[in-house]
Amino acid sequence: AGVSLRHRKGEKRPWTVKLPTGVPGARHEISRPGRAATAPAELVAL
């Protein structure tokens, strides 16, 4: 569906969701802190 949820090591807010905007190459990007083992519940709900 053009959506992603990732954890990137070494960042202050390592969890990021990217959502489509309807415009090619443009995405909503939302980042949150959190431990690597478990995705933040807020982003899973998102």
ModelCIF file with pLDDT and N, C-alpha, C, O atoms, coordinates in Angstrom:
data_MODEL
#
_entry.id   MODEL 
#
_entity.id                         1 
_entity.type                       polymer 
_entity.pdbx_number_of_molecules   1 
#
_entity_poly.entity_id                      1 
_entity_poly.type                           'polypeptide(L)' 
_entity_poly.nstd_linkage                   no 
_entity_poly.nstd_monomer                   no 
_entity_poly.pdbx_seq_one_letter_code       AGVSLRHRKGEKRPWTVKLPTGVPGARHEISRPGRAATAPAELVAL 
_entity_poly.pdbx_seq_one_letter_code_can   AGVSLRHRKGEKRPWTVKLPTGVPGARHEISRPGRAATAPAELVAL 
_entity_poly.pdbx_strand_id                 A 
#
loop_
_entity_poly_seq.entity_id 
_entity_poly_seq.num 
_entity_poly_seq.mon_id 
_entity_poly_seq.hetero 
1 1  ALA n 
1 2  GLY n 
1 3  VAL n 
1 4  SER n 
1 5  LEU n 
1 6  ARG n 
1 7  HIS n 
1 8  ARG n 
1 9  LYS n 
1 10 GLY n 
1 11 GLU n 
1 12 LYS n 
1 13 ARG n 
1 14 PRO n 
1 15 TRP n 
1 16 THR n 
1 17 VAL n 
1 18 LYS n 
1 19 LEU n 
1 20 PRO n 
1 21 THR n 
1 22 GLY n 
1 23 VAL n 
1 24 PRO n 
1 25 GLY n 
1 26 ALA n 
1 27 ARG n 
1 28 HIS n 
1 29 GLU n 
1 30 ILE n 
1 31 SER n 
1 32 ARG n 
1 33 PRO n 
1 34 GLY n 
1 35 ARG n 
1 36 ALA n 
1 37 ALA n 
1 38 THR n 
1 39 ALA n 
1 40 PRO n 
1 41 ALA n 
1 42 GLU n 
1 43 LEU n 
1 44 VAL n 
1 45 ALA n 
1 46 LEU n 
#
_struct_asym.id          A 
_struct_asym.entity_id   1 
#
loop_
_ma_qa_metric.id 
_ma_qa_metric.mode 
_ma_qa_metric.name 
_ma_qa_metric.software_group_id 
_ma_qa_metric.type 
1 global pLDDT . pLDDT 
2 local  pLDDT . pLDDT 
#
_ma_qa_metric_global.metric_id      1 
_ma_qa_metric_global.metric_value   92.00 
_ma_qa_metric_global.model_id       1 
_ma_qa_metric_global.ordinal_id     1 
#
loop_
_ma_qa_metric_local.label_asym_id 
_ma_qa_metric_local.label_comp_id 
_ma_qa_metric_local.label_seq_id 
_ma_qa_metric_local.metric_id 
_ma_qa_metric_local.metric_value 
_ma_qa_metric_local.model_id 
_ma_qa_metric_local.ordinal_id 
A ALA 1  2 96.00 1 1  
A GLY 2  2 94.00 1 2  
A VAL 3  2 96.00 1 3  
A SER 4  2 96.00 1 4  
A LEU 5  2 98.00 1 5  
A ARG 6  2 97.00 1 6  
A HIS 7  2 97.00 1 7  
A ARG 8  2 96.00 1 8  
A LYS 9  2 94.00 1 9  
A GLY 10 2 87.00 1 10 
A GLU 11 2 90.00 1 11 
A LYS 12 2 91.00 1 12 
A ARG 13 2 94.00 1 13 
A PRO 14 2 96.00 1 14 
A TRP 15 2 97.00 1 15 
A THR 16 2 97.00 1 16 
A VAL 17 2 97.00 1 17 
A LYS 18 2 94.00 1 18 
A LEU 19 2 94.00 1 19 
A PRO 20 2 89.00 1 20 
A THR 21 2 86.00 1 21 
A GLY 22 2 80.00 1 22 
A VAL 23 2 79.00 1 23 
A PRO 24 2 74.00 1 24 
A GLY 25 2 73.00 1 25 
A ALA 26 2 79.00 1 26 
A ARG 27 2 86.00 1 27 
A HIS 28 2 90.00 1 28 
A GLU 29 2 92.00 1 29 
A ILE 30 2 94.00 1 30 
A SER 31 2 95.00 1 31 
A ARG 32 2 96.00 1 32 
A PRO 33 2 95.00 1 33 
A GLY 34 2 94.00 1 34 
A ARG 35 2 92.00 1 35 
A ALA 36 2 91.00 1 36 
A ALA 37 2 85.00 1 37 
A THR 38 2 91.00 1 38 
A ALA 39 2 95.00 1 39 
A PRO 40 2 96.00 1 40 
A ALA 41 2 95.00 1 41 
A GLU 42 2 96.00 1 42 
A LEU 43 2 97.00 1 43 
A VAL 44 2 97.00 1 44 
A ALA 45 2 97.00 1 45 
A LEU 46 2 97.00 1 46 
#
loop_
_atom_site.group_PDB 
_atom_site.id 
_atom_site.type_symbol 
_atom_site.label_atom_id 
_atom_site.label_alt_id 
_atom_site.label_comp_id 
_atom_site.label_asym_id 
_atom_site.label_entity_id 
_atom_site.label_seq_id 
_atom_site.pdbx_PDB_ins_code 
_atom_site.Cartn_x 
_atom_site.Cartn_y 
_atom_site.Cartn_z 
_atom_site.occupancy 
_atom_site.B_iso_or_equiv 
_atom_site.pdbx_formal_charge 
_atom_site.auth_seq_id 
_atom_site.auth_comp_id 
_atom_site.auth_asym_id 
_atom_site.auth_atom_id 
_atom_site.pdbx_PDB_model_num 
ATOM 1   N N  . ALA A 1 1  ? 0.817  -1.219 0.000  1.00 96.00 ? 1  ALA A N  1 
ATOM 2   C CA . ALA A 1 1  ? 0.000  0.000  0.000  1.00 96.00 ? 1  ALA A CA 1 
ATOM 3   C C  . ALA A 1 1  ? 0.847  1.264  0.000  1.00 96.00 ? 1  ALA A C  1 
ATOM 4   O O  . ALA A 1 1  ? 0.308  2.366  0.107  1.00 96.00 ? 1  ALA A O  1 
ATOM 5   N N  . GLY A 1 2  ? 2.174  1.124  -0.119 1.00 94.00 ? 2  GLY A N  1 
ATOM 6   C CA . GLY A 1 2  ? 3.034  2.298  -0.132 1.00 94.00 ? 2  GLY A CA 1 
ATOM 7   C C  . GLY A 1 2  ? 3.301  2.874  1.237  1.00 94.00 ? 2  GLY A C  1 
ATOM 8   O O  . GLY A 1 2  ? 3.600  4.061  1.363  1.00 94.00 ? 2  GLY A O  1 
ATOM 9   N N  . VAL A 1 3  ? 3.197  2.045  2.274  1.00 96.00 ? 3  VAL A N  1 
ATOM 10  C CA . VAL A 1 3  ? 3.377  2.461  3.659  1.00 96.00 ? 3  VAL A CA 1 
ATOM 11  C C  . VAL A 1 3  ? 4.586  1.736  4.229  1.00 96.00 ? 3  VAL A C  1 
ATOM 12  O O  . VAL A 1 3  ? 4.896  0.621  3.808  1.00 96.00 ? 3  VAL A O  1 
ATOM 13  N N  . SER A 1 4  ? 5.274  2.358  5.184  1.00 96.00 ? 4  SER A N  1 
ATOM 14  C CA . SER A 1 4  ? 6.390  1.657  5.834  1.00 96.00 ? 4  SER A CA 1 
ATOM 15  C C  . SER A 1 4  ? 6.432  1.994  7.315  1.00 96.00 ? 4  SER A C  1 
ATOM 16  O O  . SER A 1 4  ? 6.037  3.080  7.741  1.00 96.00 ? 4  SER A O  1 
ATOM 17  N N  . LEU A 1 5  ? 6.927  1.025  8.093  1.00 98.00 ? 5  LEU A N  1 
ATOM 18  C CA . LEU A 1 5  ? 7.228  1.194  9.513  1.00 98.00 ? 5  LEU A CA 1 
ATOM 19  C C  . LEU A 1 5  ? 8.614  0.623  9.725  1.00 98.00 ? 5  LEU A C  1 
ATOM 20  O O  . LEU A 1 5  ? 8.847  -0.558 9.464  1.00 98.00 ? 5  LEU A O  1 
ATOM 21  N N  . ARG A 1 6  ? 9.546  1.452  10.200 1.00 97.00 ? 6  ARG A N  1 
ATOM 22  C CA . ARG A 1 6  ? 10.918 0.994  10.325 1.00 97.00 ? 6  ARG A CA 1 
ATOM 23  C C  . ARG A 1 6  ? 11.512 1.432  11.654 1.00 97.00 ? 6  ARG A C  1 
ATOM 24  O O  . ARG A 1 6  ? 11.054 2.382  12.289 1.00 97.00 ? 6  ARG A O  1 
ATOM 25  N N  . HIS A 1 7  ? 12.564 0.693  12.055 1.00 97.00 ? 7  HIS A N  1 
ATOM 26  C CA . HIS A 1 7  ? 13.417 1.101  13.162 1.00 97.00 ? 7  HIS A CA 1 
ATOM 27  C C  . HIS A 1 7  ? 14.821 1.279  12.605 1.00 97.00 ? 7  HIS A C  1 
ATOM 28  O O  . HIS A 1 7  ? 15.373 0.374  11.978 1.00 97.00 ? 7  HIS A O  1 
ATOM 29  N N  . ARG A 1 8  ? 15.401 2.476  12.844 1.00 96.00 ? 8  ARG A N  1 
ATOM 30  C CA . ARG A 1 8  ? 16.748 2.750  12.349 1.00 96.00 ? 8  ARG A CA 1 
ATOM 31  C C  . ARG A 1 8  ? 17.668 2.976  13.548 1.00 96.00 ? 8  ARG A C  1 
ATOM 32  O O  . ARG A 1 8  ? 17.405 3.831  14.393 1.00 96.00 ? 8  ARG A O  1 
ATOM 33  N N  . LYS A 1 9  ? 18.725 2.215  13.606 1.00 94.00 ? 9  LYS A N  1 
ATOM 34  C CA . LYS A 1 9  ? 19.648 2.272  14.744 1.00 94.00 ? 9  LYS A CA 1 
ATOM 35  C C  . LYS A 1 9  ? 20.334 3.631  14.857 1.00 94.00 ? 9  LYS A C  1 
ATOM 36  O O  . LYS A 1 9  ? 20.629 4.292  13.862 1.00 94.00 ? 9  LYS A O  1 
ATOM 37  N N  . GLY A 1 10 ? 20.578 4.022  16.115 1.00 87.00 ? 10 GLY A N  1 
ATOM 38  C CA . GLY A 1 10 ? 21.419 5.179  16.377 1.00 87.00 ? 10 GLY A CA 1 
ATOM 39  C C  . GLY A 1 10 ? 20.743 6.523  16.307 1.00 87.00 ? 10 GLY A C  1 
ATOM 40  O O  . GLY A 1 10 ? 21.423 7.541  16.439 1.00 87.00 ? 10 GLY A O  1 
ATOM 41  N N  . GLU A 1 11 ? 19.424 6.586  16.103 1.00 90.00 ? 11 GLU A N  1 
ATOM 42  C CA . GLU A 1 11 ? 18.736 7.857  16.019 1.00 90.00 ? 11 GLU A CA 1 
ATOM 43  C C  . GLU A 1 11 ? 17.954 8.126  17.303 1.00 90.00 ? 11 GLU A C  1 
ATOM 44  O O  . GLU A 1 11 ? 17.534 7.193  17.987 1.00 90.00 ? 11 GLU A O  1 
ATOM 45  N N  . LYS A 1 12 ? 17.760 9.411  17.629 1.00 91.00 ? 12 LYS A N  1 
ATOM 46  C CA . LYS A 1 12 ? 17.024 9.767  18.836 1.00 91.00 ? 12 LYS A CA 1 
ATOM 47  C C  . LYS A 1 12 ? 15.566 9.339  18.745 1.00 91.00 ? 12 LYS A C  1 
ATOM 48  O O  . LYS A 1 12 ? 14.958 8.951  19.742 1.00 91.00 ? 12 LYS A O  1 
ATOM 49  N N  . ARG A 1 13 ? 15.022 9.412  17.558 1.00 94.00 ? 13 ARG A N  1 
ATOM 50  C CA . ARG A 1 13 ? 13.647 8.958  17.313 1.00 94.00 ? 13 ARG A CA 1 
ATOM 51  C C  . ARG A 1 13 ? 13.720 7.879  16.239 1.00 94.00 ? 13 ARG A C  1 
ATOM 52  O O  . ARG A 1 13 ? 13.452 8.139  15.066 1.00 94.00 ? 13 ARG A O  1 
ATOM 53  N N  . PRO A 1 14 ? 14.086 6.662  16.650 1.00 96.00 ? 14 PRO A N  1 
ATOM 54  C CA . PRO A 1 14 ? 14.455 5.638  15.665 1.00 96.00 ? 14 PRO A CA 1 
ATOM 55  C C  . PRO A 1 14 ? 13.276 5.009  14.920 1.00 96.00 ? 14 PRO A C  1 
ATOM 56  O O  . PRO A 1 14 ? 13.468 4.393  13.872 1.00 96.00 ? 14 PRO A O  1 
ATOM 57  N N  . TRP A 1 15 ? 12.060 5.158  15.452 1.00 97.00 ? 15 TRP A N  1 
ATOM 58  C CA . TRP A 1 15 ? 10.900 4.538  14.802 1.00 97.00 ? 15 TRP A CA 1 
ATOM 59  C C  . TRP A 1 15 ? 10.222 5.557  13.883 1.00 97.00 ? 15 TRP A C  1 
ATOM 60  O O  . TRP A 1 15 ? 9.928  6.680  14.293 1.00 97.00 ? 15 TRP A O  1 
ATOM 61  N N  . THR A 1 16 ? 9.980  5.150  12.639 1.00 97.00 ? 16 THR A N  1 
ATOM 62  C CA . THR A 1 16 ? 9.388  6.058  11.654 1.00 97.00 ? 16 THR A CA 1 
ATOM 63  C C  . THR A 1 16 ? 8.319  5.346  10.837 1.00 97.00 ? 16 THR A C  1 
ATOM 64  O O  . THR A 1 16 ? 8.511  4.221  10.376 1.00 97.00 ? 16 THR A O  1 
ATOM 65  N N  . VAL A 1 17 ? 7.197  6.021  10.669 1.00 97.00 ? 17 VAL A N  1 
ATOM 66  C CA . VAL A 1 17 ? 6.152  5.601  9.727  1.00 97.00 ? 17 VAL A CA 1 
ATOM 67  C C  . VAL A 1 17 ? 6.162  6.566  8.559  1.00 97.00 ? 17 VAL A C  1 
ATOM 68  O O  . VAL A 1 17 ? 6.262  7.778  8.749  1.00 97.00 ? 17 VAL A O  1 
ATOM 69  N N  . LYS A 1 18 ? 6.057  6.030  7.346  1.00 94.00 ? 18 LYS A N  1 
ATOM 70  C CA . LYS A 1 18 ? 5.890  6.860  6.154  1.00 94.00 ? 18 LYS A CA 1 
ATOM 71  C C  . LYS A 1 18 ? 4.584  6.457  5.476  1.00 94.00 ? 18 LYS A C  1 
ATOM 72  O O  . LYS A 1 18 ? 4.302  5.278  5.262  1.00 94.00 ? 18 LYS A O  1 
ATOM 73  N N  . LEU A 1 19 ? 3.795  7.488  5.146  1.00 94.00 ? 19 LEU A N  1 
ATOM 74  C CA . LEU A 1 19 ? 2.465  7.280  4.581  1.00 94.00 ? 19 LEU A CA 1 
ATOM 75  C C  . LEU A 1 19 ? 2.350  7.995  3.237  1.00 94.00 ? 19 LEU A C  1 
ATOM 76  O O  . LEU A 1 19 ? 2.921  9.072  3.067  1.00 94.00 ? 19 LEU A O  1 
ATOM 77  N N  . PRO A 1 20 ? 1.633  7.424  2.291  1.00 89.00 ? 20 PRO A N  1 
ATOM 78  C CA . PRO A 1 20 ? 1.458  8.087  0.990  1.00 89.00 ? 20 PRO A CA 1 
ATOM 79  C C  . PRO A 1 20 ? 0.622  9.349  1.125  1.00 89.00 ? 20 PRO A C  1 
ATOM 80  O O  . PRO A 1 20 ? -0.260 9.437  1.979  1.00 89.00 ? 20 PRO A O  1 
ATOM 81  N N  . THR A 1 21 ? 0.908  10.321 0.275  1.00 86.00 ? 21 THR A N  1 
ATOM 82  C CA . THR A 1 21 ? 0.136  11.569 0.241  1.00 86.00 ? 21 THR A CA 1 
ATOM 83  C C  . THR A 1 21 ? -0.736 11.669 -0.997 1.00 86.00 ? 21 THR A C  1 
ATOM 84  O O  . THR A 1 21 ? -1.554 12.582 -1.107 1.00 86.00 ? 21 THR A O  1 
ATOM 85  N N  . GLY A 1 22 ? -0.572 10.745 -1.927 1.00 80.00 ? 22 GLY A N  1 
ATOM 86  C CA . GLY A 1 22 ? -1.253 10.859 -3.217 1.00 80.00 ? 22 GLY A CA 1 
ATOM 87  C C  . GLY A 1 22 ? -0.414 11.544 -4.259 1.00 80.00 ? 22 GLY A C  1 
ATOM 88  O O  . GLY A 1 22 ? -0.789 11.573 -5.431 1.00 80.00 ? 22 GLY A O  1 
ATOM 89  N N  . VAL A 1 23 ? 0.733  12.106 -3.858 1.00 79.00 ? 23 VAL A N  1 
ATOM 90  C CA . VAL A 1 23 ? 1.658  12.760 -4.780 1.00 79.00 ? 23 VAL A CA 1 
ATOM 91  C C  . VAL A 1 23 ? 2.915  11.910 -4.879 1.00 79.00 ? 23 VAL A C  1 
ATOM 92  O O  . VAL A 1 23 ? 3.553  11.666 -3.855 1.00 79.00 ? 23 VAL A O  1 
ATOM 93  N N  . PRO A 1 24 ? 3.305  11.442 -6.077 1.00 74.00 ? 24 PRO A N  1 
ATOM 94  C CA . PRO A 1 24 ? 4.499  10.602 -6.199 1.00 74.00 ? 24 PRO A CA 1 
ATOM 95  C C  . PRO A 1 24 ? 5.728  11.296 -5.607 1.00 74.00 ? 24 PRO A C  1 
ATOM 96  O O  . PRO A 1 24 ? 5.993  12.465 -5.886 1.00 74.00 ? 24 PRO A O  1 
ATOM 97  N N  . GLY A 1 25 ? 6.467  10.554 -4.787 1.00 73.00 ? 25 GLY A N  1 
ATOM 98  C CA . GLY A 1 25 ? 7.683  11.085 -4.192 1.00 73.00 ? 25 GLY A CA 1 
ATOM 99  C C  . GLY A 1 25 ? 7.472  11.888 -2.932 1.00 73.00 ? 25 GLY A C  1 
ATOM 100 O O  . GLY A 1 25 ? 8.446  12.311 -2.309 1.00 73.00 ? 25 GLY A O  1 
ATOM 101 N N  . ALA A 1 26 ? 6.226  12.114 -2.532 1.00 79.00 ? 26 ALA A N  1 
ATOM 102 C CA . ALA A 1 26 ? 5.937  12.872 -1.312 1.00 79.00 ? 26 ALA A CA 1 
ATOM 103 C C  . ALA A 1 26 ? 5.219  11.968 -0.323 1.00 79.00 ? 26 ALA A C  1 
ATOM 104 O O  . ALA A 1 26 ? 4.230  11.317 -0.661 1.00 79.00 ? 26 ALA A O  1 
ATOM 105 N N  . ARG A 1 27 ? 5.732  11.936 0.913  1.00 86.00 ? 27 ARG A N  1 
ATOM 106 C CA . ARG A 1 27 ? 5.135  11.079 1.934  1.00 86.00 ? 27 ARG A CA 1 
ATOM 107 C C  . ARG A 1 27 ? 5.083  11.806 3.270  1.00 86.00 ? 27 ARG A C  1 
ATOM 108 O O  . ARG A 1 27 ? 5.951  12.617 3.591  1.00 86.00 ? 27 ARG A O  1 
ATOM 109 N N  . HIS A 1 28 ? 4.036  11.493 4.045  1.00 90.00 ? 28 HIS A N  1 
ATOM 110 C CA . HIS A 1 28 ? 4.004  11.923 5.431  1.00 90.00 ? 28 HIS A CA 1 
ATOM 111 C C  . HIS A 1 28 ? 5.031  11.098 6.203  1.00 90.00 ? 28 HIS A C  1 
ATOM 112 O O  . HIS A 1 28 ? 5.107  9.881  6.032  1.00 90.00 ? 28 HIS A O  1 
ATOM 113 N N  . GLU A 1 29 ? 5.813  11.752 7.042  1.00 92.00 ? 29 GLU A N  1 
ATOM 114 C CA . GLU A 1 29 ? 6.834  11.060 7.824  1.00 92.00 ? 29 GLU A CA 1 
ATOM 115 C C  . GLU A 1 29 ? 6.623  11.391 9.298  1.00 92.00 ? 29 GLU A C  1 
ATOM 116 O O  . GLU A 1 29 ? 6.626  12.560 9.682  1.00 92.00 ? 29 GLU A O  1 
ATOM 117 N N  . ILE A 1 30 ? 6.440  10.363 10.119 1.00 94.00 ? 30 ILE A N  1 
ATOM 118 C CA . ILE A 1 30 ? 6.174  10.530 11.544 1.00 94.00 ? 30 ILE A CA 1 
ATOM 119 C C  . ILE A 1 30 ? 7.157  9.660  12.323 1.00 94.00 ? 30 ILE A C  1 
ATOM 120 O O  . ILE A 1 30 ? 7.215  8.448  12.116 1.00 94.00 ? 30 ILE A O  1 
ATOM 121 N N  . SER A 1 31 ? 7.930  10.276 13.220 1.00 95.00 ? 31 SER A N  1 
ATOM 122 C CA . SER A 1 31 ? 8.951  9.543  13.966 1.00 95.00 ? 31 SER A CA 1 
ATOM 123 C C  . SER A 1 31 ? 8.670  9.614  15.461 1.00 95.00 ? 31 SER A C  1 
ATOM 124 O O  . SER A 1 31 ? 8.126  10.596 15.966 1.00 95.00 ? 31 SER A O  1 
ATOM 125 N N  . ARG A 1 32 ? 9.057  8.542  16.155 1.00 96.00 ? 32 ARG A N  1 
ATOM 126 C CA . ARG A 1 32 ? 8.870  8.458  17.597 1.00 96.00 ? 32 ARG A CA 1 
ATOM 127 C C  . ARG A 1 32 ? 10.072 7.755  18.231 1.00 96.00 ? 32 ARG A C  1 
ATOM 128 O O  . ARG A 1 32 ? 10.744 6.959  17.575 1.00 96.00 ? 32 ARG A O  1 
ATOM 129 N N  . PRO A 1 33 ? 10.344 8.050  19.517 1.00 95.00 ? 33 PRO A N  1 
ATOM 130 C CA . PRO A 1 33 ? 11.359 7.278  20.236 1.00 95.00 ? 33 PRO A CA 1 
ATOM 131 C C  . PRO A 1 33 ? 10.814 5.901  20.603 1.00 95.00 ? 33 PRO A C  1 
ATOM 132 O O  . PRO A 1 33 ? 9.615  5.646  20.492 1.00 95.00 ? 33 PRO A O  1 
ATOM 133 N N  . GLY A 1 34 ? 11.702 5.027  21.038 1.00 94.00 ? 34 GLY A N  1 
ATOM 134 C CA . GLY A 1 34 ? 11.261 3.704  21.455 1.00 94.00 ? 34 GLY A CA 1 
ATOM 135 C C  . GLY A 1 34 ? 12.373 2.678  21.351 1.00 94.00 ? 34 GLY A C  1 
ATOM 136 O O  . GLY A 1 34 ? 13.334 2.859  20.603 1.00 94.00 ? 34 GLY A O  1 
ATOM 137 N N  . ARG A 1 35 ? 12.234 1.605  22.105 1.00 92.00 ? 35 ARG A N  1 
ATOM 138 C CA . ARG A 1 35 ? 13.236 0.538  22.092 1.00 92.00 ? 35 ARG A CA 1 
ATOM 139 C C  . ARG A 1 35 ? 13.089 -0.296 20.828 1.00 92.00 ? 35 ARG A C  1 
ATOM 140 O O  . ARG A 1 35 ? 12.010 -0.391 20.243 1.00 92.00 ? 35 ARG A O  1 
ATOM 141 N N  . ALA A 1 36 ? 14.204 -0.896 20.423 1.00 91.00 ? 36 ALA A N  1 
ATOM 142 C CA . ALA A 1 36 ? 14.225 -1.621 19.154 1.00 91.00 ? 36 ALA A CA 1 
ATOM 143 C C  . ALA A 1 36 ? 13.327 -2.852 19.165 1.00 91.00 ? 36 ALA A C  1 
ATOM 144 O O  . ALA A 1 36 ? 12.827 -3.263 18.118 1.00 91.00 ? 36 ALA A O  1 
ATOM 145 N N  . ALA A 1 37 ? 13.120 -3.438 20.329 1.00 85.00 ? 37 ALA A N  1 
ATOM 146 C CA . ALA A 1 37 ? 12.410 -4.714 20.384 1.00 85.00 ? 37 ALA A CA 1 
ATOM 147 C C  . ALA A 1 37 ? 10.929 -4.608 20.045 1.00 85.00 ? 37 ALA A C  1 
ATOM 148 O O  . ALA A 1 37 ? 10.340 -5.558 19.529 1.00 85.00 ? 37 ALA A O  1 
ATOM 149 N N  . THR A 1 38 ? 10.323 -3.449 20.334 1.00 91.00 ? 38 THR A N  1 
ATOM 150 C CA . THR A 1 38 ? 8.869  -3.326 20.188 1.00 91.00 ? 38 THR A CA 1 
ATOM 151 C C  . THR A 1 38 ? 8.504  -2.003 19.537 1.00 91.00 ? 38 THR A C  1 
ATOM 152 O O  . THR A 1 38 ? 8.931  -0.941 19.991 1.00 91.00 ? 38 THR A O  1 
ATOM 153 N N  . ALA A 1 39 ? 7.729  -2.067 18.491 1.00 95.00 ? 39 ALA A N  1 
ATOM 154 C CA . ALA A 1 39 ? 7.285  -0.842 17.829 1.00 95.00 ? 39 ALA A CA 1 
ATOM 155 C C  . ALA A 1 39 ? 6.355  -0.065 18.755 1.00 95.00 ? 39 ALA A C  1 
ATOM 156 O O  . ALA A 1 39 ? 5.533  -0.673 19.441 1.00 95.00 ? 39 ALA A O  1 
ATOM 157 N N  . PRO A 1 40 ? 6.462  1.264  18.792 1.00 96.00 ? 40 PRO A N  1 
ATOM 158 C CA . PRO A 1 40 ? 5.556  2.068  19.624 1.00 96.00 ? 40 PRO A CA 1 
ATOM 159 C C  . PRO A 1 40 ? 4.098  1.815  19.258 1.00 96.00 ? 40 PRO A C  1 
ATOM 160 O O  . PRO A 1 40 ? 3.738  1.782  18.081 1.00 96.00 ? 40 PRO A O  1 
ATOM 161 N N  . ALA A 1 41 ? 3.268  1.636  20.275 1.00 95.00 ? 41 ALA A N  1 
ATOM 162 C CA . ALA A 1 41 ? 1.857  1.339  20.025 1.00 95.00 ? 41 ALA A CA 1 
ATOM 163 C C  . ALA A 1 41 ? 1.188  2.428  19.198 1.00 95.00 ? 41 ALA A C  1 
ATOM 164 O O  . ALA A 1 41 ? 0.295  2.147  18.398 1.00 95.00 ? 41 ALA A O  1 
ATOM 165 N N  . GLU A 1 42 ? 1.622  3.681  19.392 1.00 96.00 ? 42 GLU A N  1 
ATOM 166 C CA . GLU A 1 42 ? 1.027  4.788  18.645 1.00 96.00 ? 42 GLU A CA 1 
ATOM 167 C C  . GLU A 1 42 ? 1.251  4.631  17.149 1.00 96.00 ? 42 GLU A C  1 
ATOM 168 O O  . GLU A 1 42 ? 0.350  4.893  16.352 1.00 96.00 ? 42 GLU A O  1 
ATOM 169 N N  . LEU A 1 43 ? 2.465  4.200  16.762 1.00 97.00 ? 43 LEU A N  1 
ATOM 170 C CA . LEU A 1 43 ? 2.753  4.044  15.335 1.00 97.00 ? 43 LEU A CA 1 
ATOM 171 C C  . LEU A 1 43 ? 2.066  2.812  14.762 1.00 97.00 ? 43 LEU A C  1 
ATOM 172 O O  . LEU A 1 43 ? 1.632  2.825  13.610 1.00 97.00 ? 43 LEU A O  1 
ATOM 173 N N  . VAL A 1 44 ? 1.964  1.760  15.544 1.00 97.00 ? 44 VAL A N  1 
ATOM 174 C CA . VAL A 1 44 ? 1.230  0.575  15.074 1.00 97.00 ? 44 VAL A CA 1 
ATOM 175 C C  . VAL A 1 44 ? -0.229 0.952  14.821 1.00 97.00 ? 44 VAL A C  1 
ATOM 176 O O  . VAL A 1 44 ? -0.819 0.551  13.818 1.00 97.00 ? 44 VAL A O  1 
ATOM 177 N N  . ALA A 1 45 ? -0.806 1.732  15.750 1.00 97.00 ? 45 ALA A N  1 
ATOM 178 C CA . ALA A 1 45 ? -2.194 2.172  15.564 1.00 97.00 ? 45 ALA A CA 1 
ATOM 179 C C  . ALA A 1 45 ? -2.328 3.087  14.356 1.00 97.00 ? 45 ALA A C  1 
ATOM 180 O O  . ALA A 1 45 ? -3.358 3.093  13.682 1.00 97.00 ? 45 ALA A O  1 
ATOM 181 N N  . LEU A 1 46 ? -1.285 3.857  14.089 1.00 97.00 ? 46 LEU A N  1 
ATOM 182 C CA . LEU A 1 46 ? -1.339 4.819  12.989 1.00 97.00 ? 46 LEU A CA 1 
ATOM 183 C C  . LEU A 1 46 ? -1.538 4.137  11.637 1.00 97.00 ? 46 LEU A C  1 
ATOM 184 O O  . LEU A 1 46 ? -1.605 4.811  10.609 1.00 97.00 ? 46 LEU A O  1 
#
